[in-house]
């Protein structure tokens, strides 16, 4: 999972600081997710999946399909 969020970030030429700002956290806090030192809260997984237009299953490594599932209209 941690490698996937790093790869997605790097593929878009974004810094950890930029993603941290998107998540309203510090670069250091976000770095802890990427290196696997801290577990990623569900709320953050949802934000990352939405931002990268993928599924949480992809982020977690449960599928290799990067395309997201159809989203509910209420989200």
N, C-alpha and C. Protein backbone atom coordinates (compact mmCIF):
# COMPACT_ATOMS: atom_id res chain seq x y z
N UNK A 1 0.83 -1.19 0.00
CA UNK A 1 0.00 0.00 0.00
C UNK A 1 0.87 1.24 0.00
N UNK A 2 1.89 1.24 0.81
CA UNK A 2 2.70 2.44 0.98
C UNK A 2 3.43 2.80 -0.32
N UNK A 3 3.89 1.76 -1.03
CA UNK A 3 4.56 2.01 -2.31
C UNK A 3 3.58 2.58 -3.33
N UNK A 4 2.35 2.14 -3.28
CA UNK A 4 1.35 2.64 -4.24
C UNK A 4 1.07 4.11 -4.04
N UNK A 5 0.91 4.55 -2.79
CA UNK A 5 0.62 5.99 -2.61
C UNK A 5 1.84 6.82 -2.99
N UNK A 6 3.03 6.28 -2.80
CA UNK A 6 4.23 6.99 -3.22
C UNK A 6 4.29 7.06 -4.75
N UNK A 7 4.05 5.91 -5.40
CA UNK A 7 4.09 5.87 -6.86
C UNK A 7 3.06 6.82 -7.48
N UNK A 8 1.85 6.84 -6.94
CA UNK A 8 0.82 7.74 -7.46
C UNK A 8 1.24 9.20 -7.32
N UNK A 9 1.82 9.52 -6.19
CA UNK A 9 2.29 10.90 -5.95
C UNK A 9 3.41 11.25 -6.92
N UNK A 10 4.39 10.37 -7.04
CA UNK A 10 5.53 10.65 -7.92
C UNK A 10 5.13 10.69 -9.39
N UNK A 11 4.18 9.85 -9.79
CA UNK A 11 3.70 9.86 -11.18
C UNK A 11 3.11 11.21 -11.57
N UNK A 12 2.63 11.94 -10.58
CA UNK A 12 2.04 13.26 -10.82
C UNK A 12 3.00 14.40 -10.47
N UNK A 13 4.25 14.03 -10.23
CA UNK A 13 5.29 15.02 -9.90
C UNK A 13 4.89 15.92 -8.73
N UNK A 14 4.30 15.31 -7.71
CA UNK A 14 3.90 16.04 -6.51
C UNK A 14 4.87 15.73 -5.38
N UNK A 15 5.02 16.68 -4.47
CA UNK A 15 5.88 16.48 -3.31
C UNK A 15 5.03 15.98 -2.13
N UNK A 16 5.71 15.44 -1.15
CA UNK A 16 5.02 15.04 0.07
C UNK A 16 4.39 16.26 0.74
N UNK A 17 5.05 17.39 0.64
CA UNK A 17 4.52 18.61 1.22
C UNK A 17 3.20 19.00 0.57
N UNK A 18 3.11 18.86 -0.75
CA UNK A 18 1.88 19.19 -1.46
C UNK A 18 0.73 18.26 -1.06
N UNK A 19 1.01 16.97 -0.96
CA UNK A 19 -0.03 16.03 -0.56
C UNK A 19 -0.40 16.25 0.90
N UNK A 20 0.59 16.53 1.73
CA UNK A 20 0.30 16.85 3.13
C UNK A 20 -0.64 18.04 3.24
N UNK A 21 -0.40 19.07 2.43
CA UNK A 21 -1.26 20.26 2.45
C UNK A 21 -2.68 19.89 2.01
N UNK A 22 -2.80 19.05 1.00
CA UNK A 22 -4.11 18.58 0.54
C UNK A 22 -4.86 17.88 1.67
N UNK A 23 -4.12 17.15 2.50
CA UNK A 23 -4.72 16.39 3.60
C UNK A 23 -4.76 17.17 4.91
N UNK A 24 -4.36 18.44 4.85
CA UNK A 24 -4.30 19.30 6.04
C UNK A 24 -3.39 18.72 7.12
N UNK A 25 -2.21 18.30 6.70
CA UNK A 25 -1.23 17.77 7.64
C UNK A 25 0.16 18.18 7.18
N UNK A 26 1.14 17.93 8.01
CA UNK A 26 2.52 18.29 7.67
C UNK A 26 3.13 17.27 6.70
N UNK A 27 4.21 17.68 6.07
CA UNK A 27 4.96 16.77 5.20
C UNK A 27 5.46 15.60 6.02
N UNK A 28 5.92 15.85 7.22
CA UNK A 28 6.45 14.79 8.08
C UNK A 28 5.37 13.77 8.42
N UNK A 29 4.17 14.26 8.72
CA UNK A 29 3.06 13.36 9.01
C UNK A 29 2.72 12.49 7.83
N UNK A 30 2.68 13.09 6.64
CA UNK A 30 2.38 12.32 5.44
C UNK A 30 3.49 11.32 5.15
N UNK A 31 4.72 11.72 5.35
CA UNK A 31 5.86 10.83 5.13
C UNK A 31 5.72 9.55 5.95
N UNK A 32 5.21 9.66 7.16
CA UNK A 32 5.03 8.49 8.02
C UNK A 32 4.08 7.47 7.39
N UNK A 33 3.12 7.94 6.60
CA UNK A 33 2.24 7.03 5.87
C UNK A 33 3.01 6.34 4.75
N UNK A 34 3.76 7.12 3.99
CA UNK A 34 4.47 6.55 2.83
C UNK A 34 5.52 5.52 3.23
N UNK A 35 6.14 5.69 4.36
CA UNK A 35 7.18 4.73 4.77
C UNK A 35 6.60 3.59 5.61
N UNK A 36 5.30 3.65 5.88
CA UNK A 36 4.65 2.58 6.61
C UNK A 36 4.82 2.64 8.11
N UNK A 37 5.28 3.76 8.61
CA UNK A 37 5.46 3.88 10.05
C UNK A 37 4.12 4.07 10.77
N UNK A 38 3.19 4.77 10.14
CA UNK A 38 1.85 4.97 10.69
C UNK A 38 0.81 4.39 9.74
N UNK A 39 -0.22 3.78 10.32
CA UNK A 39 -1.34 3.31 9.51
C UNK A 39 -2.12 4.51 8.99
N UNK A 40 -2.68 4.35 7.80
CA UNK A 40 -3.43 5.44 7.19
C UNK A 40 -4.89 5.34 7.62
N UNK A 41 -5.43 6.38 8.25
CA UNK A 41 -6.84 6.36 8.66
C UNK A 41 -7.78 6.26 7.46
N UNK A 42 -8.94 5.70 7.69
CA UNK A 42 -9.93 5.54 6.62
C UNK A 42 -10.24 6.86 5.93
N UNK A 43 -10.40 7.91 6.71
CA UNK A 43 -10.71 9.23 6.13
C UNK A 43 -9.64 9.65 5.13
N UNK A 44 -8.39 9.41 5.46
CA UNK A 44 -7.28 9.78 4.57
C UNK A 44 -7.26 8.88 3.33
N UNK A 45 -7.55 7.60 3.51
CA UNK A 45 -7.63 6.69 2.36
C UNK A 45 -8.70 7.15 1.37
N UNK A 46 -9.83 7.58 1.91
CA UNK A 46 -10.91 8.08 1.05
C UNK A 46 -10.45 9.33 0.30
N UNK A 47 -9.79 10.24 1.00
CA UNK A 47 -9.30 11.47 0.36
C UNK A 47 -8.29 11.14 -0.74
N UNK A 48 -7.37 10.22 -0.46
CA UNK A 48 -6.34 9.88 -1.45
C UNK A 48 -6.96 9.18 -2.66
N UNK A 49 -7.88 8.26 -2.43
CA UNK A 49 -8.53 7.57 -3.54
C UNK A 49 -9.30 8.55 -4.41
N UNK A 50 -9.97 9.48 -3.79
CA UNK A 50 -10.71 10.50 -4.54
C UNK A 50 -9.76 11.39 -5.32
N UNK A 51 -8.70 11.85 -4.69
CA UNK A 51 -7.74 12.73 -5.34
C UNK A 51 -7.08 12.05 -6.53
N UNK A 52 -6.67 10.79 -6.36
CA UNK A 52 -5.98 10.07 -7.42
C UNK A 52 -6.94 9.37 -8.38
N UNK A 53 -8.25 9.52 -8.15
CA UNK A 53 -9.27 8.90 -8.99
C UNK A 53 -9.04 7.39 -9.12
N UNK A 54 -8.92 6.74 -7.98
CA UNK A 54 -8.76 5.30 -7.93
C UNK A 54 -9.61 4.77 -6.79
N UNK A 55 -9.48 3.48 -6.50
CA UNK A 55 -10.25 2.89 -5.41
C UNK A 55 -9.37 2.66 -4.19
N UNK A 56 -10.00 2.55 -3.05
CA UNK A 56 -9.26 2.22 -1.84
C UNK A 56 -8.69 0.81 -1.97
N UNK A 57 -9.41 -0.08 -2.64
CA UNK A 57 -8.87 -1.43 -2.87
C UNK A 57 -7.55 -1.37 -3.62
N UNK A 58 -7.44 -0.48 -4.60
CA UNK A 58 -6.18 -0.33 -5.32
C UNK A 58 -5.09 0.17 -4.37
N UNK A 59 -5.41 1.19 -3.58
CA UNK A 59 -4.42 1.73 -2.64
C UNK A 59 -3.94 0.65 -1.67
N UNK A 60 -4.86 -0.21 -1.24
CA UNK A 60 -4.52 -1.25 -0.27
C UNK A 60 -3.85 -2.47 -0.90
N UNK A 61 -3.79 -2.50 -2.23
CA UNK A 61 -3.17 -3.63 -2.91
C UNK A 61 -4.08 -4.83 -3.06
N UNK A 62 -5.39 -4.63 -2.91
CA UNK A 62 -6.34 -5.73 -3.06
C UNK A 62 -6.71 -5.99 -4.51
N UNK A 63 -6.40 -5.03 -5.39
CA UNK A 63 -6.63 -5.18 -6.82
C UNK A 63 -5.52 -4.42 -7.55
N UNK A 64 -5.27 -4.85 -8.77
CA UNK A 64 -4.31 -4.13 -9.61
C UNK A 64 -5.02 -3.21 -10.59
N UNK A 65 -6.35 -3.18 -10.52
CA UNK A 65 -7.15 -2.32 -11.38
C UNK A 65 -7.16 -0.90 -10.80
N UNK A 66 -6.50 0.01 -11.50
CA UNK A 66 -6.38 1.38 -10.99
C UNK A 66 -7.67 2.17 -11.16
N UNK A 67 -8.48 1.79 -12.16
CA UNK A 67 -9.74 2.49 -12.43
C UNK A 67 -10.67 2.33 -11.24
N UNK A 68 -11.27 3.43 -10.78
CA UNK A 68 -12.15 3.32 -9.61
C UNK A 68 -13.49 2.68 -9.94
N UNK A 69 -14.14 2.20 -8.90
CA UNK A 69 -15.51 1.72 -9.02
C UNK A 69 -16.41 2.93 -9.24
N UNK A 70 -17.61 2.71 -9.79
CA UNK A 70 -18.56 3.82 -9.87
C UNK A 70 -18.87 4.33 -8.46
N UNK A 71 -18.86 5.62 -8.29
CA UNK A 71 -19.08 6.22 -6.97
C UNK A 71 -20.57 6.47 -6.75
N UNK A 72 -20.96 6.42 -5.46
CA UNK A 72 -22.33 6.79 -5.09
C UNK A 72 -22.52 8.27 -5.30
N UNK A 73 -23.70 8.64 -5.69
CA UNK A 73 -23.99 10.07 -5.91
C UNK A 73 -23.98 10.86 -4.62
N UNK A 74 -24.19 10.21 -3.48
CA UNK A 74 -24.27 10.90 -2.20
C UNK A 74 -22.90 11.29 -1.67
N UNK A 75 -21.82 10.75 -2.23
CA UNK A 75 -20.48 11.07 -1.72
C UNK A 75 -20.00 12.30 -2.34
